[in-house]
Amino acid sequence: MISLSGTAIFWFIALGLTVGMVFKMYIKEEGRSMAANLTWGTVGAVVLGAIAILLELGDGMLFAFVGSLAVLFIANVFHQHHVEDIFGHVDMGIKIKKKH
């Protein structure tokens, strides 16, 4: 039986950082920054992985992976600033007038 130790937490952190980096590379300019994705990916992985170990649902890596993806999805989907708002244009040729 695996216990919640420093080694398990290390692997949860490594998994969260990796998932956060890949998630940001996939969504590119949309969503949150790289630092925010790394932070939220790590938080999701550690929390869900620790819960899985404490509830004796296995070694926690699968739950850490799914938890990291879930937290990143929620953080990026409900992010309010899109590339259209930042740069003032969309790819369909429509110009958005900025308020001065």
C-alpha atoms as a PDB file:
ATOM      1  CA  MET A   1       0.000   0.000   0.000  1.00  0.00           C
ATOM      2  CA  ILE A   2       1.367   3.366  -0.974  1.00  0.00           C
ATOM      3  CA  SER A   3       1.389   6.169   1.564  1.00  0.00           C
ATOM      4  CA  LEU A   4       1.359   9.905   1.093  1.00  0.00           C
ATOM      5  CA  SER A   5       5.076  10.658   1.277  1.00  0.00           C
ATOM      6  CA  GLY A   6       7.502  13.183  -0.110  1.00  0.00           C
ATOM      7  CA  THR A   7       8.218  10.913  -3.069  1.00  0.00           C
ATOM      8  CA  ALA A   8       4.544  10.745  -4.037  1.00  0.00           C
ATOM      9  CA  ILE A   9       4.167  14.512  -3.698  1.00  0.00           C
ATOM     10  CA  PHE A  10       7.299  15.009  -5.833  1.00  0.00           C
ATOM     11  CA  TRP A  11       5.795  12.905  -8.631  1.00  0.00           C
ATOM     12  CA  PHE A  12       2.478  14.732  -8.358  1.00  0.00           C
ATOM     13  CA  ILE A  13       4.312  18.056  -8.712  1.00  0.00           C
ATOM     14  CA  ALA A  14       6.335  16.760 -11.686  1.00  0.00           C
ATOM     15  CA  LEU A  15       3.166  15.476 -13.350  1.00  0.00           C
ATOM     16  CA  GLY A  16       1.326  18.766 -12.714  1.00  0.00           C
ATOM     17  CA  LEU A  17       4.175  20.831 -14.173  1.00  0.00           C
ATOM     18  CA  THR A  18       4.355  18.612 -17.251  1.00  0.00           C
ATOM     19  CA  VAL A  19       0.602  18.668 -17.861  1.00  0.00           C
ATOM     20  CA  GLY A  20       0.490  22.454 -17.316  1.00  0.00           C
ATOM     21  CA  MET A  21       3.291  23.020 -19.838  1.00  0.00           C
ATOM     22  CA  VAL A  22       1.759  20.742 -22.486  1.00  0.00           C
ATOM     23  CA  PHE A  23      -1.678  22.301 -21.934  1.00  0.00           C
ATOM     24  CA  LYS A  24      -0.301  25.825 -22.486  1.00  0.00           C
ATOM     25  CA  MET A  25       1.667  24.757 -25.554  1.00  0.00           C
ATOM     26  CA  TYR A  26      -1.522  23.259 -26.996  1.00  0.00           C
ATOM     27  CA  ILE A  27      -3.772  26.298 -26.446  1.00  0.00           C
ATOM     28  CA  LYS A  28      -1.029  28.822 -27.407  1.00  0.00           C
ATOM     29  CA  GLU A  29      -2.207  32.434 -27.005  1.00  0.00           C
ATOM     30  CA  GLU A  30      -5.654  31.640 -25.596  1.00  0.00           C
ATOM     31  CA  GLY A  31      -6.296  31.192 -21.886  1.00  0.00           C
ATOM     32  CA  ARG A  32      -4.055  31.926 -18.962  1.00  0.00           C
ATOM     33  CA  SER A  33      -0.298  32.492 -18.918  1.00  0.00           C
ATOM     34  CA  MET A  34       2.326  29.751 -18.715  1.00  0.00           C
ATOM     35  CA  ALA A  35       3.011  30.513 -15.034  1.00  0.00           C
ATOM     36  CA  ALA A  36      -0.681  30.267 -14.163  1.00  0.00           C
ATOM     37  CA  ASN A  37      -1.047  26.980 -16.058  1.00  0.00           C
ATOM     38  CA  LEU A  38       1.994  25.525 -14.291  1.00  0.00           C
ATOM     39  CA  THR A  39       0.648  26.634 -10.915  1.00  0.00           C
ATOM     40  CA  TRP A  40      -2.900  25.350 -11.430  1.00  0.00           C
ATOM     41  CA  GLY A  41      -1.678  22.115 -12.989  1.00  0.00           C
ATOM     42  CA  THR A  42       0.507  21.458  -9.962  1.00  0.00           C
ATOM     43  CA  VAL A  43      -2.250  22.360  -7.492  1.00  0.00           C
ATOM     44  CA  GLY A  44      -4.739  20.060  -9.217  1.00  0.00           C
ATOM     45  CA  ALA A  45      -2.302  17.163  -9.392  1.00  0.00           C
ATOM     46  CA  VAL A  46      -1.195  17.389  -5.751  1.00  0.00           C
ATOM     47  CA  VAL A  47      -4.697  17.822  -4.321  1.00  0.00           C
ATOM     48  CA  LEU A  48      -6.391  15.064  -6.327  1.00  0.00           C
ATOM     49  CA  GLY A  49      -3.423  12.713  -6.023  1.00  0.00           C
ATOM     50  CA  ALA A  50      -3.334  13.154  -2.249  1.00  0.00           C
ATOM     51  CA  ILE A  51      -7.082  12.581  -1.994  1.00  0.00           C
ATOM     52  CA  ALA A  52      -6.764   9.377  -4.039  1.00  0.00           C
ATOM     53  CA  ILE A  53      -4.003   8.060  -1.773  1.00  0.00           C
ATOM     54  CA  LEU A  54      -5.843   8.986   1.422  1.00  0.00           C
ATOM     55  CA  LEU A  55      -9.007   7.249   0.150  1.00  0.00           C
ATOM     56  CA  GLU A  56      -6.887   4.221  -0.896  1.00  0.00           C
ATOM     57  CA  LEU A  57      -7.913   4.395  -4.562  1.00  0.00           C
ATOM     58  CA  GLY A  58      -4.510   3.299  -5.886  1.00  0.00           C
ATOM     59  CA  ASP A  59      -1.218   5.100  -6.240  1.00  0.00           C
ATOM     60  CA  GLY A  60      -2.860   8.418  -7.140  1.00  0.00           C
ATOM     61  CA  MET A  61      -1.073   9.144 -10.431  1.00  0.00           C
ATOM     62  CA  LEU A  62      -4.168   8.603 -12.578  1.00  0.00           C
ATOM     63  CA  PHE A  63      -6.236  10.797 -10.284  1.00  0.00           C
ATOM     64  CA  ALA A  64      -3.441  13.392 -10.241  1.00  0.00           C
ATOM     65  CA  PHE A  65      -3.418  13.443 -14.048  1.00  0.00           C
ATOM     66  CA  VAL A  66      -7.196  13.748 -14.344  1.00  0.00           C
ATOM     67  CA  GLY A  67      -7.327  16.342 -11.549  1.00  0.00           C
ATOM     68  CA  SER A  68      -4.632  18.411 -13.220  1.00  0.00           C
ATOM     69  CA  LEU A  69      -6.508  18.370 -16.534  1.00  0.00           C
ATOM     70  CA  ALA A  70      -9.808  19.234 -14.839  1.00  0.00           C
ATOM     71  CA  VAL A  71      -8.391  22.212 -12.945  1.00  0.00           C
ATOM     72  CA  LEU A  72      -6.592  23.508 -16.045  1.00  0.00           C
ATOM     73  CA  PHE A  73      -9.722  23.150 -18.150  1.00  0.00           C
ATOM     74  CA  ILE A  74     -11.822  25.106 -15.653  1.00  0.00           C
ATOM     75  CA  ALA A  75      -9.164  27.798 -15.188  1.00  0.00           C
ATOM     76  CA  ASN A  76      -8.714  28.350 -18.935  1.00  0.00           C
ATOM     77  CA  VAL A  77     -12.329  28.044 -20.063  1.00  0.00           C
ATOM     78  CA  PHE A  78     -13.574  30.678 -17.649  1.00  0.00           C
ATOM     79  CA  HIS A  79     -10.672  33.038 -18.336  1.00  0.00           C
ATOM     80  CA  GLN A  80     -12.128  36.361 -19.550  1.00  0.00           C
ATOM     81  CA  HIS A  81      -9.360  37.717 -21.799  1.00  0.00           C
ATOM     82  CA  HIS A  82      -9.259  36.304 -25.299  1.00  0.00           C
ATOM     83  CA  VAL A  83      -6.830  37.117 -28.076  1.00  0.00           C
ATOM     84  CA  GLU A  84      -9.537  39.166 -29.807  1.00  0.00           C
ATOM     85  CA  ASP A  85      -9.854  41.424 -26.761  1.00  0.00           C
ATOM     86  CA  ILE A  86      -6.099  41.874 -26.403  1.00  0.00           C
ATOM     87  CA  PHE A  87      -5.146  42.570 -30.027  1.00  0.00           C
ATOM     88  CA  GLY A  88      -8.402  44.203 -31.156  1.00  0.00           C
ATOM     89  CA  HIS A  89      -9.058  42.009 -34.180  1.00  0.00           C
ATOM     90  CA  VAL A  90     -10.405  38.655 -35.211  1.00  0.00           C
ATOM     91  CA  ASP A  91      -9.223  36.399 -38.018  1.00  0.00           C
ATOM     92  CA  MET A  92     -12.408  36.834 -40.110  1.00  0.00           C
ATOM     93  CA  GLY A  93     -11.466  40.318 -41.313  1.00  0.00           C
ATOM     94  CA  ILE A  94     -13.743  42.169 -38.875  1.00  0.00           C
ATOM     95  CA  LYS A  95     -12.105  45.056 -37.030  1.00  0.00           C
ATOM     96  CA  ILE A  96     -13.195  45.820 -33.503  1.00  0.00           C
ATOM     97  CA  LYS A  97     -13.100  49.480 -32.499  1.00  0.00           C
ATOM     98  CA  LYS A  98     -11.268  50.025 -29.240  1.00  0.00           C
ATOM     99  CA  LYS A  99     -12.744  52.418 -26.715  1.00  0.00           C
ATOM    100  CA  HIS A 100     -10.479  55.329 -25.936  1.00  0.00           C
END
